[in-house]
PDB file of N, CA and C in Angstrom:
ATOM      1  N   UNK A   1     -25.878 -15.688  32.354  1.00  0.00           N
ATOM      2  CA  UNK A   1     -25.213 -16.133  33.865  1.00  0.00           C
ATOM      3  C   UNK A   1     -24.284 -15.107  34.396  1.00  0.00           C
ATOM      4  N   UNK A   2     -24.423 -14.881  35.464  1.00  0.00           N
ATOM      5  CA  UNK A   2     -23.315 -13.910  36.415  1.00  0.00           C
ATOM      6  C   UNK A   2     -22.148 -14.560  36.456  1.00  0.00           C
ATOM      7  N   UNK A   3     -20.937 -13.629  36.321  1.00  0.00           N
ATOM      8  CA  UNK A   3     -19.677 -14.169  36.523  1.00  0.00           C
ATOM      9  C   UNK A   3     -19.427 -14.351  37.967  1.00  0.00           C
ATOM     10  N   UNK A   4     -18.594 -15.420  38.420  1.00  0.00           N
ATOM     11  CA  UNK A   4     -18.565 -15.665  39.797  1.00  0.00           C
ATOM     12  C   UNK A   4     -17.415 -14.777  40.031  1.00  0.00           C
ATOM     13  N   UNK A   5     -17.484 -14.175  41.448  1.00  0.00           N
ATOM     14  CA  UNK A   5     -16.426 -13.272  41.848  1.00  0.00           C
ATOM     15  C   UNK A   5     -15.241 -14.121  41.989  1.00  0.00           C
ATOM     16  N   UNK A   6     -13.843 -13.634  41.580  1.00  0.00           N
ATOM     17  CA  UNK A   6     -12.680 -13.722  41.667  1.00  0.00           C
ATOM     18  C   UNK A   6     -11.871 -13.350  42.583  1.00  0.00           C
ATOM     19  N   UNK A   7     -10.665 -13.869  42.921  1.00  0.00           N
ATOM     20  CA  UNK A   7      -9.802 -13.231  43.842  1.00  0.00           C
ATOM     21  C   UNK A   7      -9.041 -12.430  43.071  1.00  0.00           C
ATOM     22  N   UNK A   8      -8.416 -11.187  43.665  1.00  0.00           N
ATOM     23  CA  UNK A   8      -7.635 -10.397  43.044  1.00  0.00           C
ATOM     24  C   UNK A   8      -6.172 -10.780  43.067  1.00  0.00           C
ATOM     25  N   UNK A   9      -5.316 -10.885  42.062  1.00  0.00           N
ATOM     26  CA  UNK A   9      -4.180 -11.245  42.222  1.00  0.00           C
ATOM     27  C   UNK A   9      -3.180 -10.332  42.729  1.00  0.00           C
ATOM     28  N   UNK A  10      -2.263 -10.495  43.520  1.00  0.00           N
ATOM     29  CA  UNK A  10      -1.402  -9.529  44.330  1.00  0.00           C
ATOM     30  C   UNK A  10      -0.031  -9.735  43.662  1.00  0.00           C
ATOM     31  N   UNK A  11       0.298  -8.872  42.913  1.00  0.00           N
ATOM     32  CA  UNK A  11       2.024  -8.742  42.054  1.00  0.00           C
ATOM     33  C   UNK A  11       2.603  -8.158  43.009  1.00  0.00           C
ATOM     34  N   UNK A  12       3.863  -8.710  42.723  1.00  0.00           N
ATOM     35  CA  UNK A  12       4.915  -7.970  43.540  1.00  0.00           C
ATOM     36  C   UNK A  12       5.108  -6.603  42.652  1.00  0.00           C
ATOM     37  N   UNK A  13       5.535  -5.653  43.568  1.00  0.00           N
ATOM     38  CA  UNK A  13       5.898  -4.191  42.899  1.00  0.00           C
ATOM     39  C   UNK A  13       6.772  -4.379  41.955  1.00  0.00           C
ATOM     40  N   UNK A  14       7.736  -4.921  41.717  1.00  0.00           N
ATOM     41  CA  UNK A  14       8.943  -5.094  40.808  1.00  0.00           C
ATOM     42  C   UNK A  14       9.551  -6.497  40.733  1.00  0.00           C
ATOM     43  N   UNK A  15      10.009  -6.761  39.562  1.00  0.00           N
ATOM     44  CA  UNK A  15      10.658  -8.095  39.043  1.00  0.00           C
ATOM     45  C   UNK A  15      11.664  -8.611  40.385  1.00  0.00           C
ATOM     46  N   UNK A  16      11.565  -9.692  40.600  1.00  0.00           N
ATOM     47  CA  UNK A  16      12.615 -10.197  41.511  1.00  0.00           C
ATOM     48  C   UNK A  16      14.062 -10.593  40.981  1.00  0.00           C
ATOM     49  N   UNK A  17      15.067 -10.074  41.356  1.00  0.00           N
ATOM     50  CA  UNK A  17      16.406  -9.847  40.850  1.00  0.00           C
ATOM     51  C   UNK A  17      16.740 -11.449  40.299  1.00  0.00           C
ATOM     52  N   UNK A  18      16.172 -12.595  40.787  1.00  0.00           N
ATOM     53  CA  UNK A  18      16.747 -13.980  40.302  1.00  0.00           C
ATOM     54  C   UNK A  18      16.000 -14.221  38.938  1.00  0.00           C
ATOM     55  N   UNK A  19      15.028 -13.621  38.550  1.00  0.00           N
ATOM     56  CA  UNK A  19      14.548 -13.734  37.227  1.00  0.00           C
ATOM     57  C   UNK A  19      15.256 -13.337  36.333  1.00  0.00           C
ATOM     58  N   UNK A  20      16.196 -12.284  36.074  1.00  0.00           N
ATOM     59  CA  UNK A  20      17.029 -12.202  35.063  1.00  0.00           C
ATOM     60  C   UNK A  20      18.006 -13.096  34.753  1.00  0.00           C
ATOM     61  N   UNK A  21      18.671 -13.661  35.459  1.00  0.00           N
ATOM     62  CA  UNK A  21      19.764 -14.545  35.188  1.00  0.00           C
ATOM     63  C   UNK A  21      19.001 -15.904  34.427  1.00  0.00           C
ATOM     64  N   UNK A  22      17.917 -16.190  34.865  1.00  0.00           N
ATOM     65  CA  UNK A  22      16.981 -17.102  34.471  1.00  0.00           C
ATOM     66  C   UNK A  22      16.783 -16.998  32.969  1.00  0.00           C
ATOM     67  N   UNK A  23      16.400 -15.566  32.747  1.00  0.00           N
ATOM     68  CA  UNK A  23      15.733 -15.163  31.229  1.00  0.00           C
ATOM     69  C   UNK A  23      17.070 -15.295  30.481  1.00  0.00           C
ATOM     70  N   UNK A  24      17.998 -14.577  31.081  1.00  0.00           N
ATOM     71  CA  UNK A  24      19.513 -14.750  30.185  1.00  0.00           C
ATOM     72  C   UNK A  24      19.934 -16.067  29.823  1.00  0.00           C
ATOM     73  N   UNK A  25      20.061 -17.065  30.926  1.00  0.00           N
ATOM     74  CA  UNK A  25      20.183 -18.290  30.590  1.00  0.00           C
ATOM     75  C   UNK A  25      19.713 -18.906  29.218  1.00  0.00           C
ATOM     76  N   UNK A  26      18.027 -18.819  29.351  1.00  0.00           N
ATOM     77  CA  UNK A  26      17.174 -19.414  28.513  1.00  0.00           C
ATOM     78  C   UNK A  26      17.550 -18.521  26.977  1.00  0.00           C
ATOM     79  N   UNK A  27      17.817 -17.150  26.863  1.00  0.00           N
ATOM     80  CA  UNK A  27      18.108 -16.623  25.730  1.00  0.00           C
ATOM     81  C   UNK A  27      19.232 -16.891  25.144  1.00  0.00           C
ATOM     82  N   UNK A  28      20.424 -17.344  26.021  1.00  0.00           N
ATOM     83  CA  UNK A  28      21.617 -17.397  25.476  1.00  0.00           C
ATOM     84  C   UNK A  28      21.651 -18.727  24.644  1.00  0.00           C
ATOM     85  N   UNK A  29      20.570 -19.576  24.819  1.00  0.00           N
ATOM     86  CA  UNK A  29      20.448 -20.877  24.066  1.00  0.00           C
ATOM     87  C   UNK A  29      20.091 -20.674  22.728  1.00  0.00           C
ATOM     88  N   UNK A  30      19.542 -19.606  22.392  1.00  0.00           N
ATOM     89  CA  UNK A  30      18.784 -19.346  21.199  1.00  0.00           C
ATOM     90  C   UNK A  30      19.385 -18.002  20.290  1.00  0.00           C
ATOM     91  N   UNK A  31      20.018 -17.212  20.902  1.00  0.00           N
ATOM     92  CA  UNK A  31      20.654 -15.927  20.623  1.00  0.00           C
ATOM     93  C   UNK A  31      22.057 -15.747  20.900  1.00  0.00           C
ATOM     94  N   UNK A  32      22.765 -14.856  20.258  1.00  0.00           N
ATOM     95  CA  UNK A  32      24.258 -14.638  20.280  1.00  0.00           C
ATOM     96  C   UNK A  32      24.225 -13.930  21.720  1.00  0.00           C
ATOM     97  N   UNK A  33      25.535 -13.936  22.319  1.00  0.00           N
ATOM     98  CA  UNK A  33      25.924 -13.335  23.314  1.00  0.00           C
ATOM     99  C   UNK A  33      25.411 -11.445  23.286  1.00  0.00           C
ATOM    100  N   UNK A  34      25.995 -11.096  22.037  1.00  0.00           N
ATOM    101  CA  UNK A  34      25.553  -9.705  21.990  1.00  0.00           C
ATOM    102  C   UNK A  34      24.404  -9.294  22.158  1.00  0.00           C
ATOM    103  N   UNK A  35      23.258 -10.074  21.264  1.00  0.00           N
ATOM    104  CA  UNK A  35      21.704  -9.884  21.170  1.00  0.00           C
ATOM    105  C   UNK A  35      21.236 -10.356  22.547  1.00  0.00           C
ATOM    106  N   UNK A  36      21.756 -11.279  23.571  1.00  0.00           N
ATOM    107  CA  UNK A  36      21.213 -11.400  24.666  1.00  0.00           C
ATOM    108  C   UNK A  36      21.561 -10.084  25.458  1.00  0.00           C
ATOM    109  N   UNK A  37      22.456  -9.633  25.399  1.00  0.00           N
ATOM    110  CA  UNK A  37      23.125  -8.520  26.323  1.00  0.00           C
ATOM    111  C   UNK A  37      22.028  -7.163  25.908  1.00  0.00           C
ATOM    112  N   UNK A  38      21.871  -7.148  24.733  1.00  0.00           N
ATOM    113  CA  UNK A  38      20.665  -5.838  24.416  1.00  0.00           C
ATOM    114  C   UNK A  38      19.559  -6.389  24.855  1.00  0.00           C
ATOM    115  N   UNK A  39      18.945  -7.523  24.704  1.00  0.00           N
ATOM    116  CA  UNK A  39      17.752  -7.860  25.093  1.00  0.00           C
ATOM    117  C   UNK A  39      17.605  -7.895  26.624  1.00  0.00           C
ATOM    118  N   UNK A  40      18.629  -8.110  27.402  1.00  0.00           N
ATOM    119  CA  UNK A  40      18.574  -8.001  28.850  1.00  0.00           C
ATOM    120  C   UNK A  40      18.472  -6.588  29.251  1.00  0.00           C
ATOM    121  N   UNK A  41      19.067  -5.581  28.426  1.00  0.00           N
ATOM    122  CA  UNK A  41      18.966  -4.365  28.862  1.00  0.00           C
ATOM    123  C   UNK A  41      17.851  -3.803  28.790  1.00  0.00           C
ATOM    124  N   UNK A  42      17.370  -4.110  27.699  1.00  0.00           N
ATOM    125  CA  UNK A  42      15.641  -3.757  27.632  1.00  0.00           C
ATOM    126  C   UNK A  42      14.665  -4.451  28.692  1.00  0.00           C
ATOM    127  N   UNK A  43      14.914  -5.545  28.990  1.00  0.00           N
ATOM    128  CA  UNK A  43      14.339  -6.201  30.003  1.00  0.00           C
ATOM    129  C   UNK A  43      14.145  -5.320  31.030  1.00  0.00           C
ATOM    130  N   UNK A  44      15.521  -4.870  31.485  1.00  0.00           N
ATOM    131  CA  UNK A  44      15.465  -4.188  32.950  1.00  0.00           C
ATOM    132  C   UNK A  44      15.050  -2.849  32.830  1.00  0.00           C
ATOM    133  N   UNK A  45      14.744  -2.430  31.632  1.00  0.00           N
ATOM    134  CA  UNK A  45      14.208  -0.897  31.483  1.00  0.00           C
ATOM    135  C   UNK A  45      12.879  -1.030  31.234  1.00  0.00           C
ATOM    136  N   UNK A  46      12.417  -2.178  30.847  1.00  0.00           N
ATOM    137  CA  UNK A  46      10.829  -2.445  30.468  1.00  0.00           C
ATOM    138  C   UNK A  46       9.776  -1.894  31.702  1.00  0.00           C
ATOM    139  N   UNK A  47       8.915  -1.393  31.565  1.00  0.00           N
ATOM    140  CA  UNK A  47       7.814  -1.256  32.404  1.00  0.00           C
ATOM    141  C   UNK A  47       6.982  -2.862  32.809  1.00  0.00           C
ATOM    142  N   UNK A  48       6.375  -2.960  33.836  1.00  0.00           N
ATOM    143  CA  UNK A  48       5.569  -4.409  34.170  1.00  0.00           C
ATOM    144  C   UNK A  48       4.258  -4.321  33.722  1.00  0.00           C
ATOM    145  N   UNK A  49       3.815  -5.242  32.700  1.00  0.00           N
ATOM    146  CA  UNK A  49       2.396  -4.732  32.483  1.00  0.00           C
ATOM    147  C   UNK A  49       1.786  -6.224  32.515  1.00  0.00           C
ATOM    148  N   UNK A  50       0.312  -6.168  32.397  1.00  0.00           N
ATOM    149  CA  UNK A  50      -0.645  -7.274  32.639  1.00  0.00           C
ATOM    150  C   UNK A  50      -1.294  -7.681  31.347  1.00  0.00           C
ATOM    151  N   UNK A  51      -1.729  -8.803  31.102  1.00  0.00           N
ATOM    152  CA  UNK A  51      -2.336  -9.349  30.004  1.00  0.00           C
ATOM    153  C   UNK A  51      -3.336 -10.334  30.712  1.00  0.00           C
ATOM    154  N   UNK A  52      -4.580 -10.354  30.230  1.00  0.00           N
ATOM    155  CA  UNK A  52      -5.188 -11.661  30.657  1.00  0.00           C
ATOM    156  C   UNK A  52      -4.627 -13.139  29.916  1.00  0.00           C
ATOM    157  N   UNK A  53      -4.774 -14.082  30.504  1.00  0.00           N
ATOM    158  CA  UNK A  53      -4.061 -15.239  30.093  1.00  0.00           C
ATOM    159  C   UNK A  53      -4.472 -15.672  28.554  1.00  0.00           C
ATOM    160  N   UNK A  54      -5.966 -15.684  28.300  1.00  0.00           N
ATOM    161  CA  UNK A  54      -6.281 -15.729  27.002  1.00  0.00           C
ATOM    162  C   UNK A  54      -5.650 -14.826  25.760  1.00  0.00           C
ATOM    163  N   UNK A  55      -5.325 -13.869  26.127  1.00  0.00           N
ATOM    164  CA  UNK A  55      -4.683 -12.830  25.212  1.00  0.00           C
ATOM    165  C   UNK A  55      -3.232 -13.361  24.981  1.00  0.00           C
ATOM    166  N   UNK A  56      -2.359 -13.842  26.249  1.00  0.00           N
ATOM    167  CA  UNK A  56      -1.273 -14.383  26.094  1.00  0.00           C
ATOM    168  C   UNK A  56      -0.868 -15.542  25.266  1.00  0.00           C
ATOM    169  N   UNK A  57      -2.010 -16.548  25.081  1.00  0.00           N
ATOM    170  CA  UNK A  57      -2.268 -17.577  24.477  1.00  0.00           C
ATOM    171  C   UNK A  57      -2.390 -17.234  22.927  1.00  0.00           C
ATOM    172  N   UNK A  58      -3.188 -16.454  22.703  1.00  0.00           N
ATOM    173  CA  UNK A  58      -3.651 -15.860  21.444  1.00  0.00           C
ATOM    174  C   UNK A  58      -2.209 -15.380  20.747  1.00  0.00           C
ATOM    175  N   UNK A  59      -1.540 -14.887  21.574  1.00  0.00           N
ATOM    176  CA  UNK A  59      -0.437 -14.045  20.827  1.00  0.00           C
ATOM    177  C   UNK A  59       0.711 -15.244  20.828  1.00  0.00           C
ATOM    178  N   UNK A  60       0.709 -16.140  21.456  1.00  0.00           N
ATOM    179  CA  UNK A  60       1.793 -17.086  21.288  1.00  0.00           C
ATOM    180  C   UNK A  60       1.401 -18.023  19.771  1.00  0.00           C
ATOM    181  N   UNK A  61       0.321 -17.856  19.180  1.00  0.00           N
ATOM    182  CA  UNK A  61       0.019 -18.467  17.860  1.00  0.00           C
ATOM    183  C   UNK A  61       0.063 -20.105  18.014  1.00  0.00           C
ATOM    184  N   UNK A  62      -0.010 -20.473  19.232  1.00  0.00           N
ATOM    185  CA  UNK A  62      -0.097 -21.911  19.288  1.00  0.00           C
ATOM    186  C   UNK A  62      -1.451 -22.548  19.081  1.00  0.00           C
ATOM    187  N   UNK A  63      -1.681 -23.641  18.657  1.00  0.00           N
ATOM    188  CA  UNK A  63      -2.989 -24.087  18.428  1.00  0.00           C
ATOM    189  C   UNK A  63      -3.498 -24.678  19.819  1.00  0.00           C
ATOM    190  N   UNK A  64      -4.903 -24.778  19.679  1.00  0.00           N
ATOM    191  CA  UNK A  64      -5.333 -25.290  20.684  1.00  0.00           C
ATOM    192  C   UNK A  64      -5.077 -26.941  21.136  1.00  0.00           C
ATOM    193  N   UNK A  65      -5.037 -27.286  22.209  1.00  0.00           N
ATOM    194  CA  UNK A  65      -4.800 -28.855  22.441  1.00  0.00           C
ATOM    195  C   UNK A  65      -5.913 -29.600  21.819  1.00  0.00           C
ATOM    196  N   UNK A  66      -7.081 -29.449  21.804  1.00  0.00           N
ATOM    197  CA  UNK A  66      -7.994 -30.509  21.025  1.00  0.00           C
ATOM    198  C   UNK A  66      -7.803 -30.493  19.616  1.00  0.00           C
ATOM    199  N   UNK A  67      -7.277 -29.288  18.985  1.00  0.00           N
ATOM    200  CA  UNK A  67      -7.116 -29.185  17.315  1.00  0.00           C
ATOM    201  C   UNK A  67      -5.752 -29.912  17.130  1.00  0.00           C
ATOM    202  N   UNK A  68      -4.977 -29.817  18.015  1.00  0.00           N
ATOM    203  CA  UNK A  68      -3.631 -30.173  17.544  1.00  0.00           C
ATOM    204  C   UNK A  68      -3.199 -31.847  17.814  1.00  0.00           C
ATOM    205  N   UNK A  69      -3.821 -32.333  18.759  1.00  0.00           N
ATOM    206  CA  UNK A  69      -3.820 -33.648  19.310  1.00  0.00           C
ATOM    207  C   UNK A  69      -4.932 -34.411  18.924  1.00  0.00           C
ATOM    208  N   UNK A  70      -5.064 -34.837  17.814  1.00  0.00           N
ATOM    209  CA  UNK A  70      -6.294 -35.840  17.443  1.00  0.00           C
ATOM    210  C   UNK A  70      -6.869 -36.826  18.259  1.00  0.00           C
ATOM    211  N   UNK A  71      -5.900 -37.524  19.145  1.00  0.00           N
ATOM    212  CA  UNK A  71      -6.366 -38.288  20.135  1.00  0.00           C
ATOM    213  C   UNK A  71      -7.237 -37.992  21.211  1.00  0.00           C
ATOM    214  N   UNK A  72      -6.552 -36.728  21.657  1.00  0.00           N
ATOM    215  CA  UNK A  72      -7.336 -35.913  22.856  1.00  0.00           C
ATOM    216  C   UNK A  72      -8.778 -35.609  22.372  1.00  0.00           C
ATOM    217  N   UNK A  73      -8.995 -35.020  21.176  1.00  0.00           N
ATOM    218  CA  UNK A  73     -10.300 -34.597  20.735  1.00  0.00           C
ATOM    219  C   UNK A  73     -11.117 -35.788  20.541  1.00  0.00           C
ATOM    220  N   UNK A  74     -10.688 -37.075  20.160  1.00  0.00           N
ATOM    221  CA  UNK A  74     -11.508 -38.220  19.990  1.00  0.00           C
ATOM    222  C   UNK A  74     -11.805 -38.547  21.438  1.00  0.00           C
ATOM    223  N   UNK A  75     -10.829 -38.815  22.352  1.00  0.00           N
ATOM    224  CA  UNK A  75     -11.207 -39.434  23.667  1.00  0.00           C
ATOM    225  C   UNK A  75     -12.193 -38.513  24.405  1.00  0.00           C
ATOM    226  N   UNK A  76     -12.226 -37.207  24.126  1.00  0.00           N
ATOM    227  CA  UNK A  76     -13.174 -36.293  24.927  1.00  0.00           C
ATOM    228  C   UNK A  76     -14.453 -36.046  24.224  1.00  0.00           C
ATOM    229  N   UNK A  77     -14.832 -36.668  23.071  1.00  0.00           N
ATOM    230  CA  UNK A  77     -16.076 -36.804  22.596  1.00  0.00           C
ATOM    231  C   UNK A  77     -16.959 -37.357  23.332  1.00  0.00           C
ATOM    232  N   UNK A  78     -18.129 -37.020  23.663  1.00  0.00           N
ATOM    233  CA  UNK A  78     -19.039 -37.890  24.616  1.00  0.00           C
ATOM    234  C   UNK A  78     -20.079 -38.194  23.423  1.00  0.00           C
ATOM    235  N   UNK A  79     -20.322 -39.709  23.471  1.00  0.00           N
ATOM    236  CA  UNK A  79     -21.274 -40.074  22.611  1.00  0.00           C
ATOM    237  C   UNK A  79     -21.824 -41.667  22.613  1.00  0.00           C
TER     238      UNK A  79
END
């Protein structure tokens, strides 16, 4: 079966400035101030990369919804 043509996503050329304080706020919940500063410096220098959603999901090492929620998988079985 042929794949349906998709729309191309048009990304911004660079990260918007308001993203950095949000990232810093989140990181400060789980890391020390010194480590947050080091991570933020790396964020600002890092190149923007793109990955498919399925690859990001795999890298997260989270289980699929159907396998982690027994009632979901029972309710979705046709029979």
